[in-house]
């Protein structure tokens, strides 16, 4: 059974690179936000109720539905205004990656397990 504490090592000749994250402090376009789509659903259902297409056929229900549509629209507009009014967050420049270590050549000398264990058991002199 393999040792659970063993570390993964790259294959000879393999290069390990880490992709930099694209961090942006610009707000998303409005149509890509959840609040936009929730507002669209609320407005659509409220307008259907306000027009009398769904729900009870009472003037009170139609008035409440129309008011709900107005509040959903106003709420969405307010939330987008707040997002766009935020000051931009400074994004630090990416730190350069350390140079890749070259992989050992296939013919390089390797230490035997006994040499490795003696290296580990040798006390350090500080």
C-alpha atoms as a PDB file:
ATOM      1  CA  UNK A   1       0.000   0.000   0.000  1.00  0.00           C
ATOM      2  CA  UNK A   2       1.438   3.430  -0.904  1.00  0.00           C
ATOM      3  CA  UNK A   3       2.500   5.807   1.819  1.00  0.00           C
ATOM      4  CA  UNK A   4      -0.277   8.333   2.570  1.00  0.00           C
ATOM      5  CA  UNK A   5       2.255  11.042   3.409  1.00  0.00           C
ATOM      6  CA  UNK A   6       4.108  10.809   0.088  1.00  0.00           C
ATOM      7  CA  UNK A   7       4.256  13.996  -1.934  1.00  0.00           C
ATOM      8  CA  UNK A   8       3.524  14.255  -5.622  1.00  0.00           C
ATOM      9  CA  UNK A   9       6.483  15.041  -7.821  1.00  0.00           C
ATOM     10  CA  UNK A  10       6.339  16.221 -11.429  1.00  0.00           C
ATOM     11  CA  UNK A  11       7.419  13.831 -14.121  1.00  0.00           C
ATOM     12  CA  UNK A  12      10.865  14.440 -15.590  1.00  0.00           C
ATOM     13  CA  UNK A  13      10.681  17.232 -18.116  1.00  0.00           C
ATOM     14  CA  UNK A  14       7.232  18.363 -16.936  1.00  0.00           C
ATOM     15  CA  UNK A  15       6.741  22.021 -16.225  1.00  0.00           C
ATOM     16  CA  UNK A  16       4.322  23.200 -13.586  1.00  0.00           C
ATOM     17  CA  UNK A  17       2.650  26.560 -14.222  1.00  0.00           C
ATOM     18  CA  UNK A  18       0.001  28.322 -12.218  1.00  0.00           C
ATOM     19  CA  UNK A  19      -2.492  30.433 -14.133  1.00  0.00           C
ATOM     20  CA  UNK A  20      -3.005  33.958 -12.893  1.00  0.00           C
ATOM     21  CA  UNK A  21      -6.533  34.869 -11.865  1.00  0.00           C
ATOM     22  CA  UNK A  22      -8.247  37.569 -13.855  1.00  0.00           C
ATOM     23  CA  UNK A  23      -9.499  39.775 -11.049  1.00  0.00           C
ATOM     24  CA  UNK A  24     -11.648  42.667 -12.105  1.00  0.00           C
ATOM     25  CA  UNK A  25     -13.334  45.223  -9.910  1.00  0.00           C
ATOM     26  CA  UNK A  26     -15.798  46.303 -12.589  1.00  0.00           C
ATOM     27  CA  UNK A  27     -19.445  45.491 -11.851  1.00  0.00           C
ATOM     28  CA  UNK A  28     -21.101  42.824 -13.967  1.00  0.00           C
ATOM     29  CA  UNK A  29     -23.491  43.947 -16.670  1.00  0.00           C
ATOM     30  CA  UNK A  30     -27.018  44.185 -15.279  1.00  0.00           C
ATOM     31  CA  UNK A  31     -28.475  41.345 -17.313  1.00  0.00           C
ATOM     32  CA  UNK A  32     -25.897  38.922 -15.847  1.00  0.00           C
ATOM     33  CA  UNK A  33     -27.044  39.445 -12.238  1.00  0.00           C
ATOM     34  CA  UNK A  34     -29.462  37.371 -10.200  1.00  0.00           C
ATOM     35  CA  UNK A  35     -31.360  40.436  -9.036  1.00  0.00           C
ATOM     36  CA  UNK A  36     -32.103  41.354 -12.649  1.00  0.00           C
ATOM     37  CA  UNK A  37     -33.692  37.996 -13.418  1.00  0.00           C
ATOM     38  CA  UNK A  38     -35.616  37.906 -10.132  1.00  0.00           C
ATOM     39  CA  UNK A  39     -36.929  41.401 -10.851  1.00  0.00           C
ATOM     40  CA  UNK A  40     -37.985  40.350 -14.349  1.00  0.00           C
ATOM     41  CA  UNK A  41     -39.957  37.395 -12.948  1.00  0.00           C
ATOM     42  CA  UNK A  42     -41.626  39.530 -10.262  1.00  0.00           C
ATOM     43  CA  UNK A  43     -42.523  42.285 -12.734  1.00  0.00           C
ATOM     44  CA  UNK A  44     -43.854  39.812 -15.287  1.00  0.00           C
ATOM     45  CA  UNK A  45     -46.047  37.955 -12.760  1.00  0.00           C
ATOM     46  CA  UNK A  46     -47.192  41.226 -11.181  1.00  0.00           C
ATOM     47  CA  UNK A  47     -48.145  42.704 -14.534  1.00  0.00           C
ATOM     48  CA  UNK A  48     -50.071  39.560 -15.413  1.00  0.00           C
ATOM     49  CA  UNK A  49     -51.944  39.935 -12.133  1.00  0.00           C
ATOM     50  CA  UNK A  50     -52.445  43.644 -12.682  1.00  0.00           C
ATOM     51  CA  UNK A  51     -53.911  43.085 -16.112  1.00  0.00           C
ATOM     52  CA  UNK A  52     -56.347  40.504 -14.775  1.00  0.00           C
ATOM     53  CA  UNK A  53     -54.826  37.607 -16.748  1.00  0.00           C
ATOM     54  CA  UNK A  54     -54.118  35.624 -13.550  1.00  0.00           C
ATOM     55  CA  UNK A  55     -55.503  35.699 -10.028  1.00  0.00           C
ATOM     56  CA  UNK A  56     -58.860  36.827  -8.730  1.00  0.00           C
ATOM     57  CA  UNK A  57     -60.831  39.333 -10.759  1.00  0.00           C
ATOM     58  CA  UNK A  58     -60.781  42.132  -8.204  1.00  0.00           C
ATOM     59  CA  UNK A  59     -59.538  45.679  -8.505  1.00  0.00           C
ATOM     60  CA  UNK A  60     -57.651  45.393  -5.184  1.00  0.00           C
ATOM     61  CA  UNK A  61     -55.599  42.416  -6.447  1.00  0.00           C
ATOM     62  CA  UNK A  62     -54.840  44.230  -9.694  1.00  0.00           C
ATOM     63  CA  UNK A  63     -53.743  47.357  -7.816  1.00  0.00           C
ATOM     64  CA  UNK A  64     -51.497  45.353  -5.459  1.00  0.00           C
ATOM     65  CA  UNK A  65     -49.944  43.514  -8.430  1.00  0.00           C
ATOM     66  CA  UNK A  66     -49.215  46.765 -10.230  1.00  0.00           C
ATOM     67  CA  UNK A  67     -47.652  48.270  -7.080  1.00  0.00           C
ATOM     68  CA  UNK A  68     -45.511  45.131  -6.624  1.00  0.00           C
ATOM     69  CA  UNK A  69     -44.207  45.525 -10.177  1.00  0.00           C
ATOM     70  CA  UNK A  70     -43.339  49.167  -9.485  1.00  0.00           C
ATOM     71  CA  UNK A  71     -41.495  48.267  -6.249  1.00  0.00           C
ATOM     72  CA  UNK A  72     -39.545  45.472  -7.976  1.00  0.00           C
ATOM     73  CA  UNK A  73     -38.445  47.857 -10.722  1.00  0.00           C
ATOM     74  CA  UNK A  74     -37.481  50.569  -8.231  1.00  0.00           C
ATOM     75  CA  UNK A  75     -35.629  48.068  -6.027  1.00  0.00           C
ATOM     76  CA  UNK A  76     -33.611  46.765  -8.938  1.00  0.00           C
ATOM     77  CA  UNK A  77     -32.736  50.283 -10.085  1.00  0.00           C
ATOM     78  CA  UNK A  78     -31.633  51.216  -6.560  1.00  0.00           C
ATOM     79  CA  UNK A  79     -29.452  48.122  -6.161  1.00  0.00           C
ATOM     80  CA  UNK A  80     -27.699  48.720  -9.494  1.00  0.00           C
ATOM     81  CA  UNK A  81     -27.121  52.371  -8.613  1.00  0.00           C
ATOM     82  CA  UNK A  82     -25.493  51.307  -5.331  1.00  0.00           C
ATOM     83  CA  UNK A  83     -23.208  48.828  -7.096  1.00  0.00           C
ATOM     84  CA  UNK A  84     -22.111  51.333  -9.712  1.00  0.00           C
ATOM     85  CA  UNK A  85     -21.506  54.042  -7.110  1.00  0.00           C
ATOM     86  CA  UNK A  86     -18.955  51.940  -5.211  1.00  0.00           C
ATOM     87  CA  UNK A  87     -15.375  53.171  -5.551  1.00  0.00           C
ATOM     88  CA  UNK A  88     -13.105  50.879  -7.528  1.00  0.00           C
ATOM     89  CA  UNK A  89     -11.105  48.467  -5.411  1.00  0.00           C
ATOM     90  CA  UNK A  90      -7.391  48.659  -6.193  1.00  0.00           C
ATOM     91  CA  UNK A  91      -6.154  45.349  -7.547  1.00  0.00           C
ATOM     92  CA  UNK A  92      -2.489  44.704  -6.797  1.00  0.00           C
ATOM     93  CA  UNK A  93      -0.344  43.725  -9.768  1.00  0.00           C
ATOM     94  CA  UNK A  94       0.279  39.997 -10.034  1.00  0.00           C
ATOM     95  CA  UNK A  95       3.418  38.752  -8.378  1.00  0.00           C
ATOM     96  CA  UNK A  96       5.832  37.066 -10.754  1.00  0.00           C
ATOM     97  CA  UNK A  97       6.097  33.314 -10.483  1.00  0.00           C
ATOM     98  CA  UNK A  98       9.443  31.908  -9.346  1.00  0.00           C
ATOM     99  CA  UNK A  99      11.495  30.363 -12.124  1.00  0.00           C
ATOM    100  CA  UNK A 100      10.812  26.729 -12.843  1.00  0.00           C
ATOM    101  CA  UNK A 101      13.386  24.311 -11.581  1.00  0.00           C
ATOM    102  CA  UNK A 102      14.707  22.151 -14.338  1.00  0.00           C
ATOM    103  CA  UNK A 103      13.784  18.515 -14.055  1.00  0.00           C
ATOM    104  CA  UNK A 104      16.665  16.141 -13.309  1.00  0.00           C
ATOM    105  CA  UNK A 105      18.086  14.453 -16.358  1.00  0.00           C
ATOM    106  CA  UNK A 106      17.125  10.792 -16.741  1.00  0.00           C
ATOM    107  CA  UNK A 107      20.716   9.681 -16.178  1.00  0.00           C
ATOM    108  CA  UNK A 108      21.232  11.722 -12.979  1.00  0.00           C
ATOM    109  CA  UNK A 109      22.401   9.868  -9.895  1.00  0.00           C
ATOM    110  CA  UNK A 110      19.647   9.043  -7.452  1.00  0.00           C
ATOM    111  CA  UNK A 111      20.132   8.416  -3.765  1.00  0.00           C
ATOM    112  CA  UNK A 112      19.191   5.020  -2.460  1.00  0.00           C
ATOM    113  CA  UNK A 113      16.537   4.603   0.255  1.00  0.00           C
ATOM    114  CA  UNK A 114      19.255   3.891   2.838  1.00  0.00           C
ATOM    115  CA  UNK A 115      21.030   7.144   1.988  1.00  0.00           C
ATOM    116  CA  UNK A 116      17.756   9.032   2.296  1.00  0.00           C
ATOM    117  CA  UNK A 117      16.970   7.538   5.696  1.00  0.00           C
ATOM    118  CA  UNK A 118      20.473   8.287   6.986  1.00  0.00           C
ATOM    119  CA  UNK A 119      20.090  11.883   5.833  1.00  0.00           C
ATOM    120  CA  UNK A 120      16.844  12.167   7.753  1.00  0.00           C
ATOM    121  CA  UNK A 121      18.185  10.573  10.934  1.00  0.00           C
ATOM    122  CA  UNK A 122      21.385  12.642  11.045  1.00  0.00           C
ATOM    123  CA  UNK A 123      21.030  15.309  13.789  1.00  0.00           C
ATOM    124  CA  UNK A 124      21.473  18.911  12.696  1.00  0.00           C
ATOM    125  CA  UNK A 125      24.148  20.965  14.326  1.00  0.00           C
ATOM    126  CA  UNK A 126      22.875  24.514  14.864  1.00  0.00           C
END
